[in-house]
Amino acid sequence: MINFFRKIRKKMADDNKPIKYLRYAIGEIILVVIGILIALQINTWNENRRSNKREKNLLIELKANLLTNVNNLNSDIDRQEKSARILHVLLDYLDHQKPYIDSLDYYFAEADIAPDVVLTSSAFETLKSTGLDLIKKDGLRKEILNLFEVTYPTLMQNTKRIEDQVWSTASVPMYQKHFRREINGQARPIDYDALLQDKEFTNMLSFRVSLREASTSDKIQAVNETQKLIEFIENELIKRKANN
């Protein structure tokens, strides 16, 4: 193509037709510019297509992480609600000086369990390393940031800072004082009558009930926010599919 244009220019120059040559030269320049613009447009289209594909794959991975988090949180909620009920049973026995029964060994062991938080965030870490602007929809990007950088860290911080500190500094010493751990995992009181008189132990259980219920409430809120984001992502993926 270039050689073809060169031959035409040479012929016009040899024929001493400068005006025609100038017109042709301008036309050739315009064609080159148009070719460059088309190439740039194709490159931009390909880059956008690759970016959209990366965004879609990341949203799919993010949704999978969020579903895992919902399952983990719901499991924690069930365990904590069960634990709170057990704590209330124990407080009823201790406050009303009820006689000892063997089933209390299981309740005392369950009451000593500290809640935990296990959340998956691999997709979000990938998003941060790739660039948050990969998520083009502002509202979606805002919801993702709020969940992973506000809701989840606050939940984990409160769980570790409050419940774990109470467990290690108050619960563990009292359990070592009043209980003998059995092979089957149960906790048998060393002296049940002495335990009934220990108001510090009863107050510790009462405090743990309030912490357990507060933690459960925080996790329920986290589940609701996570499910809201899952729905947001699902709707966005459906729109992408419809537009393709």
Protein backbone atom coordinates (compact mmCIF):
# COMPACT_ATOMS: atom_id res chain seq x y z
CA MET A 1 0.00 0.00 0.00
CA ILE A 2 2.82 2.44 0.88
CA ASN A 3 4.71 1.64 -2.33
CA PHE A 4 1.49 2.19 -4.29
CA PHE A 5 1.09 5.70 -2.84
CA ARG A 6 4.78 6.45 -3.48
CA LYS A 7 4.41 5.56 -7.17
CA ILE A 8 1.40 7.87 -7.50
CA ARG A 9 3.26 10.74 -5.82
CA LYS A 10 6.28 10.19 -8.05
CA LYS A 11 4.13 10.15 -11.19
CA MET A 12 2.38 13.40 -10.20
CA ALA A 13 5.71 15.02 -9.43
CA ASP A 14 7.15 13.90 -12.76
CA ASP A 15 4.04 15.24 -14.55
CA ASN A 16 4.51 18.60 -12.79
CA LYS A 17 1.06 18.58 -11.28
CA PRO A 18 1.69 20.04 -7.79
CA ILE A 19 -1.93 20.89 -7.03
CA LYS A 20 -3.09 17.36 -7.71
CA TYR A 21 -0.12 16.03 -5.76
CA LEU A 22 -0.93 18.29 -2.81
CA ARG A 23 -4.54 17.15 -2.80
CA TYR A 24 -3.48 13.55 -2.89
CA ALA A 25 -0.92 14.07 -0.13
CA ILE A 26 -3.57 15.64 2.08
CA GLY A 27 -5.89 12.74 1.34
CA GLU A 28 -3.17 10.28 2.22
CA ILE A 29 -2.54 12.05 5.51
CA ILE A 30 -6.25 11.91 6.30
CA LEU A 31 -6.30 8.19 5.52
CA VAL A 32 -3.31 7.62 7.80
CA VAL A 33 -4.95 9.59 10.61
CA ILE A 34 -8.18 7.65 10.16
CA GLY A 35 -6.20 4.40 10.25
CA ILE A 36 -4.49 5.47 13.47
CA LEU A 37 -7.81 6.44 15.06
CA ILE A 38 -9.35 3.12 14.06
CA ALA A 39 -6.39 1.24 15.52
CA LEU A 40 -6.64 3.23 18.75
CA GLN A 41 -10.37 2.57 18.92
CA ILE A 42 -9.82 -1.16 18.42
CA ASN A 43 -7.12 -1.15 21.10
CA THR A 44 -9.43 0.73 23.49
CA TRP A 45 -12.26 -1.70 22.78
CA ASN A 46 -10.00 -4.69 23.42
CA GLU A 47 -8.71 -3.15 26.65
CA ASN A 48 -12.26 -2.42 27.83
CA ARG A 49 -13.28 -5.97 26.99
CA ARG A 50 -10.36 -7.37 29.02
CA SER A 51 -11.14 -4.99 31.90
CA ASN A 52 -14.81 -6.00 31.89
CA LYS A 53 -13.82 -9.65 31.93
CA ARG A 54 -11.47 -9.11 34.90
CA GLU A 55 -14.20 -7.20 36.73
CA LYS A 56 -16.76 -9.94 36.07
CA ASN A 57 -14.41 -12.70 37.25
CA LEU A 58 -13.53 -10.72 40.37
CA LEU A 59 -17.21 -10.12 41.16
CA ILE A 60 -17.88 -13.85 40.84
CA GLU A 61 -14.98 -14.62 43.20
CA LEU A 62 -16.12 -11.89 45.58
CA LYS A 63 -19.63 -13.35 45.65
CA ALA A 64 -18.19 -16.78 46.51
CA ASN A 65 -16.22 -15.22 49.41
CA LEU A 66 -19.33 -13.46 50.68
CA LEU A 67 -21.40 -16.65 50.59
CA THR A 68 -18.68 -18.36 52.65
CA ASN A 69 -18.77 -15.48 55.13
CA VAL A 70 -22.55 -15.73 55.46
CA ASN A 71 -22.27 -19.46 56.22
CA ASN A 72 -19.50 -18.88 58.77
CA LEU A 73 -21.35 -16.04 60.47
CA ASN A 74 -24.64 -17.94 60.61
CA SER A 75 -22.82 -20.89 62.16
CA ASP A 76 -21.29 -18.56 64.77
CA ILE A 77 -24.69 -17.00 65.46
CA ASP A 78 -26.29 -20.39 66.06
CA ARG A 79 -23.46 -21.38 68.39
CA GLN A 80 -23.61 -18.11 70.31
CA GLU A 81 -27.39 -18.18 70.69
CA LYS A 82 -27.09 -21.71 72.05
CA SER A 83 -24.31 -20.58 74.38
CA ALA A 84 -26.40 -17.64 75.63
CA ARG A 85 -29.28 -19.99 76.44
CA ILE A 86 -26.89 -22.24 78.37
CA LEU A 87 -25.51 -19.28 80.30
CA HIS A 88 -29.04 -18.30 81.30
CA VAL A 89 -29.68 -21.85 82.55
CA LEU A 90 -26.50 -21.76 84.64
CA LEU A 91 -27.35 -18.36 86.06
CA ASP A 92 -30.77 -19.67 87.05
CA TYR A 93 -29.15 -22.57 88.91
CA LEU A 94 -26.56 -20.41 90.64
CA ASP A 95 -28.83 -17.49 91.50
CA HIS A 96 -31.50 -19.76 92.96
CA GLN A 97 -29.05 -22.14 94.66
CA LYS A 98 -30.48 -25.15 92.85
CA PRO A 99 -28.97 -28.59 93.57
CA TYR A 100 -26.27 -30.01 91.34
CA ILE A 101 -27.17 -32.38 88.46
CA ASP A 102 -24.77 -34.21 86.11
CA SER A 103 -25.96 -32.38 83.00
CA LEU A 104 -24.52 -29.15 84.41
CA ASP A 105 -21.02 -30.44 83.52
CA TYR A 106 -21.87 -30.07 79.84
CA TYR A 107 -23.38 -26.61 80.38
CA PHE A 108 -20.35 -25.36 82.31
CA ALA A 109 -18.03 -26.52 79.51
CA GLU A 110 -20.13 -24.88 76.80
CA ALA A 111 -20.30 -21.62 78.77
CA ASP A 112 -16.50 -21.35 78.67
CA ILE A 113 -16.26 -21.25 74.87
CA ALA A 114 -15.19 -17.90 73.40
CA PRO A 115 -16.75 -16.84 70.06
CA ASP A 116 -14.54 -16.36 67.04
CA VAL A 117 -14.79 -14.66 63.65
CA VAL A 118 -13.52 -16.33 60.47
CA LEU A 119 -14.06 -14.22 57.36
CA THR A 120 -12.76 -14.72 53.82
CA SER A 121 -11.44 -11.68 51.95
CA SER A 122 -9.11 -13.05 49.24
CA ALA A 123 -11.14 -11.47 46.41
CA PHE A 124 -11.12 -8.09 48.13
CA GLU A 125 -7.35 -8.27 48.62
CA THR A 126 -7.00 -9.04 44.91
CA LEU A 127 -9.21 -6.06 44.11
CA LYS A 128 -7.07 -3.75 46.25
CA SER A 129 -3.88 -4.93 44.55
CA THR A 130 -5.44 -4.65 41.09
CA GLY A 131 -7.04 -1.28 41.71
CA LEU A 132 -10.41 -0.38 43.20
CA ASP A 133 -11.33 1.50 40.04
CA LEU A 134 -11.71 -1.89 38.35
CA ILE A 135 -15.25 -1.83 39.82
CA LYS A 136 -16.85 0.75 37.54
CA LYS A 137 -20.16 1.20 39.35
CA ASP A 138 -19.61 3.74 42.13
CA GLY A 139 -22.41 2.43 44.35
CA LEU A 140 -21.13 -1.14 44.18
CA ARG A 141 -17.56 -0.10 44.89
CA LYS A 142 -18.74 1.92 47.90
CA GLU A 143 -20.68 -1.04 49.33
CA ILE A 144 -17.68 -3.36 48.91
CA LEU A 145 -15.36 -0.92 50.68
CA ASN A 146 -17.82 -0.34 53.52
CA LEU A 147 -18.25 -4.06 54.19
CA PHE A 148 -14.58 -5.07 54.03
CA GLU A 149 -13.01 -1.96 55.55
CA VAL A 150 -15.64 -0.93 58.12
CA THR A 151 -18.17 -3.63 59.02
CA TYR A 152 -15.88 -6.68 59.04
CA PRO A 153 -12.90 -5.03 60.81
CA THR A 154 -15.19 -3.54 63.47
CA LEU A 155 -16.81 -6.92 64.10
CA MET A 156 -13.46 -8.68 64.42
CA GLN A 157 -11.98 -5.95 66.60
CA ASN A 158 -14.91 -5.98 69.02
CA THR A 159 -14.85 -9.77 69.25
CA LYS A 160 -11.12 -9.98 69.91
CA ARG A 161 -10.84 -6.94 72.17
CA ILE A 162 -13.85 -7.51 74.42
CA GLU A 163 -14.86 -11.17 74.53
CA ASP A 164 -11.35 -12.63 74.25
CA GLN A 165 -9.96 -10.36 76.96
CA VAL A 166 -12.75 -11.28 79.35
CA TRP A 167 -12.24 -14.96 78.57
CA SER A 168 -8.48 -14.93 79.20
CA THR A 169 -8.40 -12.59 82.21
CA ALA A 170 -11.61 -13.56 84.04
CA SER A 171 -13.11 -16.79 82.74
CA VAL A 172 -9.98 -18.95 82.53
CA PRO A 173 -8.72 -18.24 86.10
CA MET A 174 -12.15 -18.92 87.60
CA TYR A 175 -12.58 -22.14 85.67
CA GLN A 176 -9.16 -23.28 86.81
CA LYS A 177 -10.22 -22.51 90.37
CA HIS A 178 -13.63 -24.21 90.36
CA PHE A 179 -13.55 -26.97 87.71
CA ARG A 180 -11.82 -30.17 86.74
CA ARG A 181 -11.74 -30.84 83.02
CA GLU A 182 -13.01 -34.27 82.03
CA ILE A 183 -11.70 -36.42 79.16
CA ASN A 184 -15.06 -36.03 77.38
CA GLY A 185 -14.64 -32.25 77.34
CA GLN A 186 -17.10 -31.53 80.13
CA ALA A 187 -16.34 -29.36 83.18
CA ARG A 188 -17.16 -30.84 86.60
CA PRO A 189 -17.26 -28.50 89.62
CA ILE A 190 -14.62 -29.33 92.23
CA ASP A 191 -16.89 -28.03 95.00
CA TYR A 192 -20.39 -27.12 93.82
CA ASP A 193 -21.37 -25.57 97.17
CA ALA A 194 -18.34 -23.29 97.05
CA LEU A 195 -19.25 -22.37 93.46
CA LEU A 196 -22.74 -21.37 94.57
CA GLN A 197 -21.23 -18.90 97.04
CA ASP A 198 -18.81 -17.35 94.55
CA LYS A 199 -20.66 -14.23 93.38
CA GLU A 200 -17.68 -13.15 91.32
CA PHE A 201 -18.12 -16.25 89.17
CA THR A 202 -21.85 -15.59 88.80
CA ASN A 203 -21.18 -11.97 87.83
CA MET A 204 -18.64 -13.13 85.26
CA LEU A 205 -21.23 -15.43 83.66
CA SER A 206 -23.79 -12.63 83.63
CA PHE A 207 -21.31 -10.29 81.95
CA ARG A 208 -20.48 -12.94 79.35
CA VAL A 209 -24.19 -13.30 78.54
CA SER A 210 -24.39 -9.61 77.68
CA LEU A 211 -21.21 -9.80 75.61
CA ARG A 212 -22.42 -12.93 73.83
CA GLU A 213 -25.76 -11.35 72.95
CA ALA A 214 -24.08 -8.14 71.77
CA SER A 215 -21.67 -10.14 69.60
CA THR A 216 -24.58 -12.10 68.15
CA SER A 217 -26.37 -8.86 67.27
CA ASP A 218 -23.22 -7.53 65.54
CA LYS A 219 -22.90 -10.74 63.52
CA ILE A 220 -26.55 -10.63 62.47
CA GLN A 221 -25.99 -7.10 61.20
CA ALA A 222 -22.87 -8.25 59.32
CA VAL A 223 -24.88 -11.08 57.72
CA ASN A 224 -27.56 -8.63 56.58
CA GLU A 225 -25.00 -6.28 55.04
CA THR A 226 -23.21 -9.20 53.38
CA GLN A 227 -26.42 -10.55 51.88
CA LYS A 228 -27.27 -7.07 50.63
CA LEU A 229 -23.92 -6.88 48.82
CA ILE A 230 -24.41 -10.39 47.39
CA GLU A 231 -27.73 -9.29 45.91
CA PHE A 232 -26.09 -6.14 44.51
CA ILE A 233 -23.40 -8.23 42.81
CA GLU A 234 -25.92 -10.75 41.46
CA ASN A 235 -27.99 -7.97 39.89
CA GLU A 236 -24.88 -6.46 38.34
CA LEU A 237 -23.82 -9.81 36.87
CA ILE A 238 -27.31 -10.31 35.43
CA LYS A 239 -27.12 -6.90 33.75
CA ARG A 240 -23.71 -7.75 32.28
CA LYS A 241 -25.06 -11.02 30.91
CA ALA A 242 -28.07 -9.28 29.36
CA ASN A 243 -25.85 -6.69 27.67
CA ASN A 244 -23.53 -9.29 26.12
